[in-house]
Every structure is written in C-alpha cells, then in structure tokens.
Amino acid sequence: MKLYNLVPTDSPVNDWLFWYEDAAGFLRPRQAYEDLVCPVCGKVDEVAAIDKGLDPEITIRSKGDITELSDGLIGASRRAKEIFQNEGIKGLRFIQIQKKNYWVLWPEVRVRTDLNTAGFEFVGPKCYACGRYREVCVGPLSRSLTIPNDPMVVFASEIWNEDMRGRVLWLFAQRPVIEALNKRRLSGLEIINAI
C-alpha cells in the first residue's frame, strides 16, 4: 500500500505554541507549560500540554492554509479545517488557537510501528528524567506502519520523531486522502511519497 506524508512547507517566521522568545531573544516556555518542561533535557511534554489546553496568548502569523509550527506540530486555517471535514478526511483533531481562526492538527490515530523495520535513528542518550532521546530521526519507514483499514484516515506513528526541542509530527495518508486534498489546493502543504 502506497503512503504519502503531509508536510507543511517551511515557515518564514517562528510561530511557537509552548514557547516564546523573550526580549533578549532567548526561548522560554510559556508560563502555562513551565511545569511540563523536563528539568534535565528541557523538553516540554506536548501530550500533557495539549491535554492542558492551548494558552490563550498564542498567536500565529502565518496566512497559509497549512503552516509549520516551530514546536514541530502543524497548524491549519479555517479553510483547511473545512476542507478536511467536507472531504470526509478523518483521524485528526482540530484544536483552536483562540486569538485567530487557526487550529493545531493533533493525530487522533497513532498506529503500531515495528521498530525492527522503522529505520529510526535514535540520538541519545535517553534523558534519565523523562526517558526521551535527544533526537529521533529518519523513520518511520512506511513498511513499519500498521495501516488503518479506512483509506480516508490521516495517521501518525505511535513513536514520535524528536528534535532538540521536542516532538515532531509526521502525518501519513493513503491515495484517497491525497486525491481529495490535491483537488482543493491547500497553500503551505507539500505532499511527498513516504519512503
């Protein structure tokens, strides 16, 4: 089964959800998420942050339908949200950013991933406090993923990619989703063949 990745194009600005840049240009956790930052490696627990709710002070400067958020997640405009819903695309929760008609895409469907074939490169060592690697990159390769039966589901691996700041969202989809999105021409979205 052929899979594709839904990838936001690079954003020219930094739009942070869980962090902000102070007056001196240093990156700091938003006050709402300070208690969710690992005291050893400095990564925020994004799952707990999403469960806690988005800080009402978050602003997004992007004007595209899909945008890369600096935290490694993906943002979507009202138009993008309506296209996903109207086309019957499932598997994502849209979490509204209060100061703008913009949403964060959150994968409701995270599939089992075979570590033996995933191709992940784990850059460590693991943090002794939170257990996260410094980076998790390269994978997951599509052959390692348990593909949902419903071809209209967008999904992610159960194992998140990581960069130095935190989790990075990789979304996967099958051909029917790609066909639905291609005809609607979302700005800021690149569709690539998953390896």
N, C-alpha and C. Protein backbone atom coordinates (compact mmCIF):
# COMPACT_ATOMS: atom_id res chain seq x y z
N MET A 1 0.84 -1.18 0.00
CA MET A 1 0.00 0.00 0.00
C MET A 1 0.89 1.24 0.00
N LYS A 2 0.68 2.13 -0.97
CA LYS A 2 1.47 3.35 -1.07
C LYS A 2 1.00 4.38 -0.05
N LEU A 3 1.98 4.98 0.63
CA LEU A 3 1.68 6.01 1.62
C LEU A 3 2.35 7.32 1.23
N TYR A 4 1.77 8.39 1.74
CA TYR A 4 2.27 9.74 1.49
C TYR A 4 2.40 10.47 2.82
N ASN A 5 3.31 11.44 2.84
CA ASN A 5 3.44 12.32 4.01
C ASN A 5 2.83 13.68 3.68
N LEU A 6 2.09 14.22 4.64
CA LEU A 6 1.55 15.57 4.55
C LEU A 6 2.51 16.47 5.32
N VAL A 7 3.24 17.31 4.60
CA VAL A 7 4.33 18.07 5.19
C VAL A 7 4.08 19.57 5.00
N PRO A 8 4.11 20.35 6.07
CA PRO A 8 3.99 21.80 5.88
C PRO A 8 5.27 22.35 5.26
N THR A 9 5.13 23.33 4.38
CA THR A 9 6.32 23.98 3.84
C THR A 9 6.97 24.81 4.94
N ASP A 10 8.24 25.09 4.78
CA ASP A 10 8.96 25.85 5.80
C ASP A 10 8.33 27.22 5.99
N SER A 11 8.16 27.59 7.23
CA SER A 11 7.58 28.89 7.56
C SER A 11 8.69 29.93 7.66
N PRO A 12 8.47 31.14 7.13
CA PRO A 12 9.49 32.19 7.24
C PRO A 12 9.54 32.83 8.63
N VAL A 13 8.57 32.52 9.48
CA VAL A 13 8.52 33.08 10.83
C VAL A 13 8.46 31.96 11.86
N ASN A 14 8.83 32.28 13.09
CA ASN A 14 8.70 31.33 14.19
C ASN A 14 7.36 31.52 14.86
N ASP A 15 6.51 30.53 14.76
CA ASP A 15 5.22 30.51 15.44
C ASP A 15 5.29 29.40 16.48
N TRP A 16 5.36 29.77 17.75
CA TRP A 16 5.51 28.82 18.85
C TRP A 16 4.20 28.59 19.57
N LEU A 17 3.95 27.36 19.96
CA LEU A 17 2.80 27.04 20.80
C LEU A 17 3.17 27.05 22.28
N PHE A 18 4.21 26.33 22.61
CA PHE A 18 4.55 26.08 24.01
C PHE A 18 5.70 26.96 24.51
N TRP A 19 6.30 27.71 23.63
CA TRP A 19 7.47 28.53 23.94
C TRP A 19 7.23 29.96 23.46
N TYR A 20 8.09 30.86 23.88
CA TYR A 20 8.09 32.23 23.36
C TYR A 20 9.52 32.75 23.41
N GLU A 21 9.79 33.78 22.61
CA GLU A 21 11.10 34.41 22.64
C GLU A 21 11.01 35.64 23.54
N ASP A 22 11.89 35.69 24.55
CA ASP A 22 11.87 36.85 25.45
C ASP A 22 12.54 38.04 24.79
N ALA A 23 12.59 39.18 25.50
CA ALA A 23 13.13 40.42 24.94
C ALA A 23 14.59 40.27 24.51
N ALA A 24 15.32 39.37 25.15
CA ALA A 24 16.73 39.16 24.80
C ALA A 24 16.90 38.13 23.68
N GLY A 25 15.78 37.56 23.21
CA GLY A 25 15.86 36.58 22.13
C GLY A 25 16.02 35.15 22.59
N PHE A 26 15.95 34.91 23.92
CA PHE A 26 16.06 33.55 24.44
C PHE A 26 14.70 32.86 24.39
N LEU A 27 14.71 31.58 24.10
CA LEU A 27 13.49 30.80 24.05
C LEU A 27 13.12 30.33 25.46
N ARG A 28 11.91 30.62 25.87
CA ARG A 28 11.43 30.28 27.21
C ARG A 28 10.09 29.55 27.09
N PRO A 29 9.79 28.64 28.03
CA PRO A 29 8.46 28.02 28.00
C PRO A 29 7.39 29.03 28.41
N ARG A 30 6.23 28.97 27.77
CA ARG A 30 5.12 29.81 28.21
C ARG A 30 4.80 29.43 29.66
N GLN A 31 4.34 30.39 30.41
CA GLN A 31 4.06 30.18 31.83
C GLN A 31 3.10 29.00 32.03
N ALA A 32 2.13 28.85 31.14
CA ALA A 32 1.15 27.77 31.27
C ALA A 32 1.79 26.38 31.19
N TYR A 33 2.99 26.30 30.60
CA TYR A 33 3.61 24.99 30.38
C TYR A 33 4.92 24.81 31.14
N GLU A 34 5.30 25.76 31.98
CA GLU A 34 6.56 25.66 32.72
C GLU A 34 6.65 24.38 33.52
N ASP A 35 5.53 23.94 34.10
CA ASP A 35 5.55 22.73 34.94
C ASP A 35 5.64 21.45 34.10
N LEU A 36 5.55 21.58 32.78
CA LEU A 36 5.61 20.41 31.90
C LEU A 36 6.97 20.26 31.20
N VAL A 37 7.91 21.09 31.58
CA VAL A 37 9.25 21.05 30.98
C VAL A 37 10.14 20.14 31.82
N CYS A 38 10.81 19.21 31.16
CA CYS A 38 11.73 18.31 31.86
C CYS A 38 12.88 19.13 32.43
N PRO A 39 13.17 18.98 33.73
CA PRO A 39 14.24 19.78 34.34
C PRO A 39 15.64 19.36 33.89
N VAL A 40 15.75 18.21 33.22
CA VAL A 40 17.06 17.73 32.79
C VAL A 40 17.32 18.08 31.33
N CYS A 41 16.44 17.65 30.41
CA CYS A 41 16.70 17.87 28.99
C CYS A 41 16.01 19.11 28.44
N GLY A 42 15.04 19.66 29.17
CA GLY A 42 14.40 20.89 28.76
C GLY A 42 13.28 20.74 27.75
N LYS A 43 12.84 19.51 27.48
CA LYS A 43 11.74 19.31 26.54
C LYS A 43 10.40 19.41 27.26
N VAL A 44 9.44 19.99 26.55
CA VAL A 44 8.09 20.08 27.11
C VAL A 44 7.34 18.79 26.77
N ASP A 45 6.47 18.37 27.63
CA ASP A 45 5.61 17.21 27.36
C ASP A 45 4.43 17.72 26.53
N GLU A 46 4.51 17.58 25.22
CA GLU A 46 3.49 18.11 24.31
C GLU A 46 2.13 17.45 24.52
N VAL A 47 2.12 16.18 24.82
CA VAL A 47 0.84 15.49 25.03
C VAL A 47 0.13 16.10 26.24
N ALA A 48 0.86 16.29 27.33
CA ALA A 48 0.27 16.91 28.52
C ALA A 48 -0.12 18.36 28.24
N ALA A 49 0.68 19.05 27.44
CA ALA A 49 0.37 20.45 27.12
C ALA A 49 -0.92 20.55 26.31
N ILE A 50 -1.10 19.67 25.34
CA ILE A 50 -2.33 19.66 24.54
C ILE A 50 -3.51 19.32 25.44
N ASP A 51 -3.32 18.32 26.33
CA ASP A 51 -4.39 17.95 27.26
C ASP A 51 -4.75 19.11 28.20
N LYS A 52 -3.76 19.90 28.56
CA LYS A 52 -3.97 21.05 29.45
C LYS A 52 -4.74 22.16 28.74
N GLY A 53 -4.57 22.25 27.43
CA GLY A 53 -5.24 23.29 26.64
C GLY A 53 -4.25 24.33 26.14
N LEU A 54 -4.60 24.95 25.02
CA LEU A 54 -3.70 25.95 24.44
C LEU A 54 -3.81 27.28 25.19
N ASP A 55 -2.66 27.85 25.45
CA ASP A 55 -2.58 29.15 26.11
C ASP A 55 -3.32 30.18 25.26
N PRO A 56 -4.21 30.99 25.85
CA PRO A 56 -4.95 31.98 25.07
C PRO A 56 -4.07 33.08 24.48
N GLU A 57 -2.82 33.17 24.93
CA GLU A 57 -1.91 34.21 24.41
C GLU A 57 -1.19 33.79 23.13
N ILE A 58 -1.38 32.57 22.67
CA ILE A 58 -0.70 32.10 21.46
C ILE A 58 -1.22 32.88 20.25
N THR A 59 -0.28 33.32 19.42
CA THR A 59 -0.64 33.96 18.15
C THR A 59 0.09 33.25 17.02
N ILE A 60 -0.55 33.19 15.88
CA ILE A 60 0.04 32.60 14.68
C ILE A 60 0.06 33.68 13.60
N ARG A 61 1.23 33.89 13.01
CA ARG A 61 1.36 34.94 11.99
C ARG A 61 1.17 34.43 10.57
N SER A 62 1.18 33.14 10.38
CA SER A 62 1.05 32.57 9.04
C SER A 62 -0.30 32.91 8.44
N LYS A 63 -0.30 33.05 7.12
CA LYS A 63 -1.55 33.27 6.39
C LYS A 63 -1.89 32.07 5.50
N GLY A 64 -1.05 31.06 5.51
CA GLY A 64 -1.28 29.88 4.68
C GLY A 64 -2.34 28.97 5.26
N ASP A 65 -2.83 28.06 4.43
CA ASP A 65 -3.81 27.08 4.90
C ASP A 65 -3.19 26.10 5.89
N ILE A 66 -1.96 25.71 5.61
CA ILE A 66 -1.21 24.79 6.48
C ILE A 66 0.10 25.49 6.81
N THR A 67 0.52 25.41 8.07
CA THR A 67 1.78 26.03 8.44
C THR A 67 2.58 25.14 9.39
N GLU A 68 3.87 25.24 9.24
CA GLU A 68 4.78 24.54 10.14
C GLU A 68 4.90 25.37 11.42
N LEU A 69 4.57 24.78 12.54
CA LEU A 69 4.75 25.45 13.82
C LEU A 69 6.15 25.14 14.33
N SER A 70 6.76 26.09 14.97
CA SER A 70 8.16 25.95 15.38
C SER A 70 8.36 24.84 16.41
N ASP A 71 7.28 24.44 17.07
CA ASP A 71 7.35 23.35 18.06
C ASP A 71 7.40 21.97 17.41
N GLY A 72 7.25 21.87 16.10
CA GLY A 72 7.25 20.57 15.43
C GLY A 72 5.86 20.07 15.11
N LEU A 73 4.84 20.84 15.47
CA LEU A 73 3.46 20.47 15.14
C LEU A 73 3.02 21.23 13.89
N ILE A 74 1.76 21.07 13.51
CA ILE A 74 1.25 21.63 12.26
C ILE A 74 0.00 22.45 12.57
N GLY A 75 -0.08 23.62 11.95
CA GLY A 75 -1.24 24.48 12.08
C GLY A 75 -2.09 24.45 10.83
N ALA A 76 -3.38 24.76 10.99
CA ALA A 76 -4.31 24.75 9.87
C ALA A 76 -5.27 25.93 9.96
N SER A 77 -5.57 26.52 8.81
CA SER A 77 -6.52 27.62 8.74
C SER A 77 -7.95 27.09 8.80
N ARG A 78 -8.90 28.01 8.91
CA ARG A 78 -10.32 27.64 8.87
C ARG A 78 -10.63 26.92 7.54
N ARG A 79 -10.08 27.44 6.45
CA ARG A 79 -10.31 26.82 5.14
C ARG A 79 -9.80 25.38 5.14
N ALA A 80 -8.59 25.15 5.66
CA ALA A 80 -8.04 23.80 5.71
C ALA A 80 -8.92 22.89 6.55
N LYS A 81 -9.35 23.37 7.70
CA LYS A 81 -10.21 22.57 8.58
C LYS A 81 -11.49 22.18 7.84
N GLU A 82 -12.11 23.13 7.17
CA GLU A 82 -13.35 22.85 6.45
C GLU A 82 -13.13 21.87 5.30
N ILE A 83 -11.99 21.98 4.61
CA ILE A 83 -11.69 21.05 3.52
C ILE A 83 -11.53 19.63 4.07
N PHE A 84 -10.79 19.46 5.13
CA PHE A 84 -10.62 18.13 5.72
C PHE A 84 -11.99 17.56 6.12
N GLN A 85 -12.81 18.36 6.75
CA GLN A 85 -14.12 17.88 7.20
C GLN A 85 -15.05 17.61 6.02
N ASN A 86 -15.11 18.51 5.06
CA ASN A 86 -16.01 18.35 3.92
C ASN A 86 -15.63 17.19 3.02
N GLU A 87 -14.34 16.86 2.98
CA GLU A 87 -13.87 15.75 2.14
C GLU A 87 -13.96 14.42 2.88
N GLY A 88 -14.40 14.44 4.14
CA GLY A 88 -14.54 13.19 4.90
C GLY A 88 -13.22 12.61 5.37
N ILE A 89 -12.22 13.47 5.52
CA ILE A 89 -10.90 13.02 6.00
C ILE A 89 -10.94 12.94 7.52
N LYS A 90 -10.56 11.80 8.04
CA LYS A 90 -10.66 11.52 9.48
C LYS A 90 -9.27 11.35 10.09
N GLY A 91 -9.25 11.20 11.42
CA GLY A 91 -8.02 10.87 12.12
C GLY A 91 -7.32 12.04 12.79
N LEU A 92 -7.82 13.26 12.55
CA LEU A 92 -7.19 14.43 13.15
C LEU A 92 -8.18 15.17 14.04
N ARG A 93 -7.67 15.68 15.13
CA ARG A 93 -8.45 16.59 15.97
C ARG A 93 -7.94 18.00 15.69
N PHE A 94 -8.85 18.94 15.53
CA PHE A 94 -8.51 20.34 15.29
C PHE A 94 -8.69 21.10 16.60
N ILE A 95 -7.59 21.62 17.13
CA ILE A 95 -7.61 22.33 18.40
C ILE A 95 -7.44 23.82 18.11
N GLN A 96 -8.46 24.60 18.44
CA GLN A 96 -8.45 26.01 18.06
C GLN A 96 -7.48 26.84 18.89
N ILE A 97 -6.77 27.72 18.17
CA ILE A 97 -5.95 28.75 18.78
C ILE A 97 -6.86 29.95 18.96
N GLN A 98 -7.03 30.41 20.17
CA GLN A 98 -8.08 31.37 20.50
C GLN A 98 -7.94 32.73 19.83
N LYS A 99 -6.73 33.22 19.64
CA LYS A 99 -6.57 34.58 19.12
C LYS A 99 -6.73 34.67 17.60
N LYS A 100 -6.95 33.56 16.93
CA LYS A 100 -7.05 33.58 15.48
C LYS A 100 -7.87 32.39 15.04
N ASN A 101 -8.46 32.48 13.89
CA ASN A 101 -9.16 31.33 13.33
C ASN A 101 -8.13 30.36 12.76
N TYR A 102 -7.37 29.77 13.66
CA TYR A 102 -6.32 28.84 13.29
C TYR A 102 -6.38 27.67 14.25
N TRP A 103 -6.02 26.51 13.79
CA TRP A 103 -6.12 25.29 14.58
C TRP A 103 -4.79 24.55 14.57
N VAL A 104 -4.54 23.77 15.60
CA VAL A 104 -3.42 22.84 15.65
C VAL A 104 -3.95 21.47 15.26
N LEU A 105 -3.25 20.80 14.36
CA LEU A 105 -3.62 19.43 13.98
C LEU A 105 -3.03 18.47 15.00
N TRP A 106 -3.88 17.62 15.54
CA TRP A 106 -3.42 16.64 16.53
C TRP A 106 -3.85 15.27 16.05
N PRO A 107 -2.90 14.32 15.92
CA PRO A 107 -3.24 12.99 15.40
C PRO A 107 -4.02 12.16 16.42
N GLU A 108 -5.26 11.88 16.10
CA GLU A 108 -6.08 11.01 16.96
C GLU A 108 -5.76 9.54 16.69
N VAL A 109 -5.23 9.26 15.50
CA VAL A 109 -4.90 7.88 15.13
C VAL A 109 -3.38 7.77 15.06
N ARG A 110 -2.82 7.00 16.01
CA ARG A 110 -1.39 6.72 16.02
C ARG A 110 -1.24 5.20 15.95
N VAL A 111 -0.57 4.75 14.92
CA VAL A 111 -0.57 3.32 14.60
C VAL A 111 0.67 2.59 15.16
N ARG A 112 0.47 1.30 15.35
CA ARG A 112 1.56 0.44 15.79
C ARG A 112 2.68 0.50 14.76
N THR A 113 3.90 0.56 15.27
CA THR A 113 5.08 0.70 14.42
C THR A 113 6.11 -0.36 14.81
N ASP A 114 6.55 -1.13 13.82
CA ASP A 114 7.53 -2.18 14.05
C ASP A 114 8.93 -1.56 14.10
N LEU A 115 9.54 -1.56 15.28
CA LEU A 115 10.85 -0.93 15.45
C LEU A 115 11.93 -1.60 14.60
N ASN A 116 11.78 -2.88 14.30
CA ASN A 116 12.79 -3.60 13.51
C ASN A 116 12.87 -3.10 12.08
N THR A 117 11.77 -2.55 11.55
CA THR A 117 11.76 -2.10 10.16
C THR A 117 11.52 -0.59 10.04
N ALA A 118 11.44 0.11 11.16
CA ALA A 118 11.07 1.53 11.14
C ALA A 118 12.19 2.44 10.63
N GLY A 119 13.44 2.03 10.77
CA GLY A 119 14.55 2.84 10.29
C GLY A 119 14.87 4.05 11.14
N PHE A 120 14.35 4.10 12.35
CA PHE A 120 14.63 5.24 13.22
C PHE A 120 16.12 5.32 13.56
N GLU A 121 16.59 6.53 13.69
CA GLU A 121 17.92 6.77 14.24
C GLU A 121 17.70 7.46 15.58
N PHE A 122 18.05 6.78 16.66
CA PHE A 122 17.88 7.33 18.00
C PHE A 122 19.20 7.97 18.44
N VAL A 123 19.16 9.26 18.65
CA VAL A 123 20.35 10.01 19.05
C VAL A 123 20.21 10.26 20.54
N GLY A 124 21.13 9.76 21.29
CA GLY A 124 20.96 9.78 22.73
C GLY A 124 22.12 10.42 23.42
N PRO A 125 22.23 10.04 24.66
CA PRO A 125 21.48 9.00 25.36
C PRO A 125 20.09 9.50 25.74
N LYS A 126 19.27 8.56 26.24
CA LYS A 126 17.95 8.94 26.74
C LYS A 126 18.11 9.83 27.96
N CYS A 127 17.18 10.75 28.09
CA CYS A 127 17.15 11.60 29.30
C CYS A 127 16.80 10.72 30.49
N TYR A 128 17.57 10.81 31.56
CA TYR A 128 17.29 9.95 32.72
C TYR A 128 16.06 10.38 33.49
N ALA A 129 15.55 11.61 33.23
CA ALA A 129 14.36 12.08 33.94
C ALA A 129 13.07 11.74 33.19
N CYS A 130 13.01 12.04 31.89
CA CYS A 130 11.75 11.83 31.14
C CYS A 130 11.82 10.65 30.18
N GLY A 131 13.01 10.12 29.94
CA GLY A 131 13.15 8.94 29.08
C GLY A 131 13.14 9.22 27.59
N ARG A 132 13.16 10.48 27.19
CA ARG A 132 13.15 10.82 25.77
C ARG A 132 14.57 10.94 25.23
N TYR A 133 14.74 10.52 23.97
CA TYR A 133 16.02 10.70 23.31
C TYR A 133 16.20 12.17 22.94
N ARG A 134 17.45 12.58 22.74
CA ARG A 134 17.71 13.95 22.30
C ARG A 134 17.07 14.17 20.92
N GLU A 135 17.24 13.16 20.04
CA GLU A 135 16.62 13.23 18.72
C GLU A 135 16.18 11.83 18.29
N VAL A 136 15.08 11.79 17.56
CA VAL A 136 14.63 10.57 16.90
C VAL A 136 14.34 10.99 15.47
N CYS A 137 15.14 10.49 14.54
CA CYS A 137 15.01 10.96 13.17
C CYS A 137 15.05 9.80 12.17
N VAL A 138 14.99 10.12 10.92
CA VAL A 138 14.99 9.25 9.75
C VAL A 138 13.63 8.56 9.58
N GLY A 139 13.22 7.70 10.49
CA GLY A 139 11.96 6.96 10.35
C GLY A 139 10.76 7.79 10.72
N PRO A 140 9.60 7.19 10.76
CA PRO A 140 9.37 5.77 10.47
C PRO A 140 9.21 5.51 8.97
N LEU A 141 9.81 4.43 8.54
CA LEU A 141 9.61 3.99 7.15
C LEU A 141 8.21 3.41 7.02
N SER A 142 7.61 3.60 5.86
CA SER A 142 6.20 3.22 5.69
C SER A 142 5.97 1.73 5.89
N ARG A 143 6.96 0.90 5.57
CA ARG A 143 6.77 -0.55 5.72
C ARG A 143 6.60 -0.97 7.17
N SER A 144 6.98 -0.11 8.11
CA SER A 144 6.90 -0.45 9.54
C SER A 144 5.55 -0.12 10.15
N LEU A 145 4.70 0.60 9.43
CA LEU A 145 3.45 1.11 9.98
C LEU A 145 2.29 0.15 9.76
N THR A 146 1.43 0.04 10.74
CA THR A 146 0.19 -0.72 10.60
C THR A 146 -0.84 0.24 10.00
N ILE A 147 -1.17 0.04 8.75
CA ILE A 147 -2.00 0.99 8.01
C ILE A 147 -3.47 0.79 8.38
N PRO A 148 -4.17 1.89 8.71
CA PRO A 148 -5.60 1.77 9.03
C PRO A 148 -6.41 1.22 7.86
N ASN A 149 -7.48 0.50 8.15
CA ASN A 149 -8.34 -0.05 7.11
C ASN A 149 -9.07 1.03 6.33
N ASP A 150 -9.40 2.12 6.98
CA ASP A 150 -10.13 3.21 6.34
C ASP A 150 -9.15 4.08 5.55
N PRO A 151 -9.27 4.13 4.20
CA PRO A 151 -8.32 4.90 3.40
C PRO A 151 -8.47 6.42 3.55
N MET A 152 -9.48 6.88 4.26
CA MET A 152 -9.68 8.32 4.46
C MET A 152 -9.16 8.80 5.81
N VAL A 153 -8.34 7.98 6.47
CA VAL A 153 -7.78 8.34 7.77
C VAL A 153 -6.36 8.86 7.60
N VAL A 154 -6.10 10.04 8.16
CA VAL A 154 -4.74 10.55 8.29
C VAL A 154 -4.22 10.06 9.63
N PHE A 155 -2.97 9.60 9.68
CA PHE A 155 -2.47 8.99 10.91
C PHE A 155 -1.00 9.30 11.12
N ALA A 156 -0.53 8.98 12.31
CA ALA A 156 0.88 9.14 12.69
C ALA A 156 1.36 7.85 13.32
N SER A 157 2.66 7.73 13.44
CA SER A 157 3.25 6.59 14.14
C SER A 157 3.03 6.74 15.64
N GLU A 158 2.98 5.61 16.33
CA GLU A 158 2.90 5.64 17.79
C GLU A 158 4.21 6.15 18.39
N ILE A 159 5.28 6.11 17.61
CA ILE A 159 6.59 6.58 18.05
C ILE A 159 6.85 7.92 17.37
N TRP A 160 6.96 8.95 18.17
CA TRP A 160 7.14 10.30 17.64
C TRP A 160 8.59 10.52 17.22
N ASN A 161 8.75 11.33 16.19
CA ASN A 161 10.07 11.85 15.88
C ASN A 161 10.36 12.94 16.93
N GLU A 162 11.63 13.22 17.15
CA GLU A 162 12.02 14.23 18.14
C GLU A 162 13.13 15.08 17.55
N ASP A 163 13.12 16.37 17.89
CA ASP A 163 14.28 17.21 17.65
C ASP A 163 14.77 17.69 19.01
N MET A 164 15.67 18.64 19.03
CA MET A 164 16.26 19.09 20.29
C MET A 164 15.22 19.73 21.22
N ARG A 165 14.14 20.27 20.66
CA ARG A 165 13.14 20.98 21.45
C ARG A 165 12.01 20.05 21.89
N GLY A 166 11.65 19.04 21.04
CA GLY A 166 10.55 18.16 21.39
C GLY A 166 10.06 17.33 20.23
N ARG A 167 8.81 16.91 20.31
CA ARG A 167 8.22 16.03 19.31
C ARG A 167 8.03 16.75 17.98
N VAL A 168 8.16 15.97 16.89
CA VAL A 168 7.94 16.47 15.54
C VAL A 168 6.89 15.56 14.91
N LEU A 169 5.83 16.17 14.39
CA LEU A 169 4.71 15.42 13.86
C LEU A 169 4.92 15.07 12.39
N TRP A 170 4.85 13.77 12.09
CA TRP A 170 4.85 13.28 10.71
C TRP A 170 3.49 12.65 10.46
N LEU A 171 2.76 13.20 9.50
CA LEU A 171 1.44 12.67 9.16
C LEU A 171 1.52 11.82 7.91
N PHE A 172 0.77 10.71 7.92
CA PHE A 172 0.72 9.79 6.79
C PHE A 172 -0.71 9.70 6.27
N ALA A 173 -0.83 9.44 4.97
CA ALA A 173 -2.15 9.28 4.35
C ALA A 173 -2.03 8.35 3.15
N GLN A 174 -3.17 7.79 2.78
CA GLN A 174 -3.26 6.94 1.59
C GLN A 174 -3.78 7.75 0.40
N ARG A 175 -3.78 7.15 -0.76
CA ARG A 175 -4.11 7.84 -2.02
C ARG A 175 -5.47 8.57 -1.99
N PRO A 176 -6.56 8.00 -1.46
CA PRO A 176 -7.84 8.74 -1.49
C PRO A 176 -7.78 10.09 -0.77
N VAL A 177 -7.03 10.18 0.32
CA VAL A 177 -6.87 11.46 1.02
C VAL A 177 -6.10 12.43 0.13
N ILE A 178 -5.05 11.93 -0.51
CA ILE A 178 -4.22 12.78 -1.36
C ILE A 178 -5.05 13.32 -2.53
N GLU A 179 -5.85 12.47 -3.14
CA GLU A 179 -6.70 12.92 -4.25
C GLU A 179 -7.67 14.00 -3.79
N ALA A 180 -8.25 13.83 -2.61
CA ALA A 180 -9.19 14.82 -2.08
C ALA A 180 -8.49 16.14 -1.81
N LEU A 181 -7.28 16.09 -1.26
CA LEU A 181 -6.56 17.32 -0.94
C LEU A 181 -6.00 18.01 -2.18
N ASN A 182 -5.55 17.22 -3.14
CA ASN A 182 -4.97 17.80 -4.37
C ASN A 182 -5.99 18.65 -5.12
N LYS A 183 -7.23 18.21 -5.16
CA LYS A 183 -8.23 18.98 -5.92
C LYS A 183 -8.60 20.29 -5.22
N ARG A 184 -8.28 20.41 -3.92
CA ARG A 184 -8.63 21.61 -3.16
C ARG A 184 -7.47 22.60 -3.04
N ARG A 185 -6.26 22.19 -3.37
CA ARG A 185 -5.09 23.07 -3.45
C ARG A 185 -4.86 23.91 -2.18
N LEU A 186 -4.50 23.23 -1.13
CA LEU A 186 -4.19 23.91 0.13
C LEU A 186 -2.82 24.59 0.05
N SER A 187 -2.76 25.86 0.42
CA SER A 187 -1.46 26.53 0.44
C SER A 187 -0.68 26.08 1.67
N GLY A 188 0.64 25.99 1.49
CA GLY A 188 1.52 25.62 2.60
C GLY A 188 1.65 24.12 2.83
N LEU A 189 1.01 23.31 1.98
CA LEU A 189 1.06 21.86 2.16
C LEU A 189 1.84 21.22 1.02
N GLU A 190 2.81 20.41 1.39
CA GLU A 190 3.56 19.62 0.42
C GLU A 190 3.21 18.16 0.65
N ILE A 191 2.90 17.46 -0.42
CA ILE A 191 2.60 16.03 -0.34
C ILE A 191 3.76 15.29 -0.97
N ILE A 192 4.40 14.44 -0.18
CA ILE A 192 5.55 13.70 -0.68
C ILE A 192 5.33 12.19 -0.52
N ASN A 193 6.01 11.42 -1.34
CA ASN A 193 5.94 9.97 -1.23
C ASN A 193 6.66 9.54 0.04
N ALA A 194 5.97 8.79 0.87
CA ALA A 194 6.60 8.26 2.08
C ALA A 194 7.55 7.14 1.69
N ILE A 195 8.71 7.10 2.33
CA ILE A 195 9.68 6.06 1.99
C ILE A 195 9.46 4.83 2.86
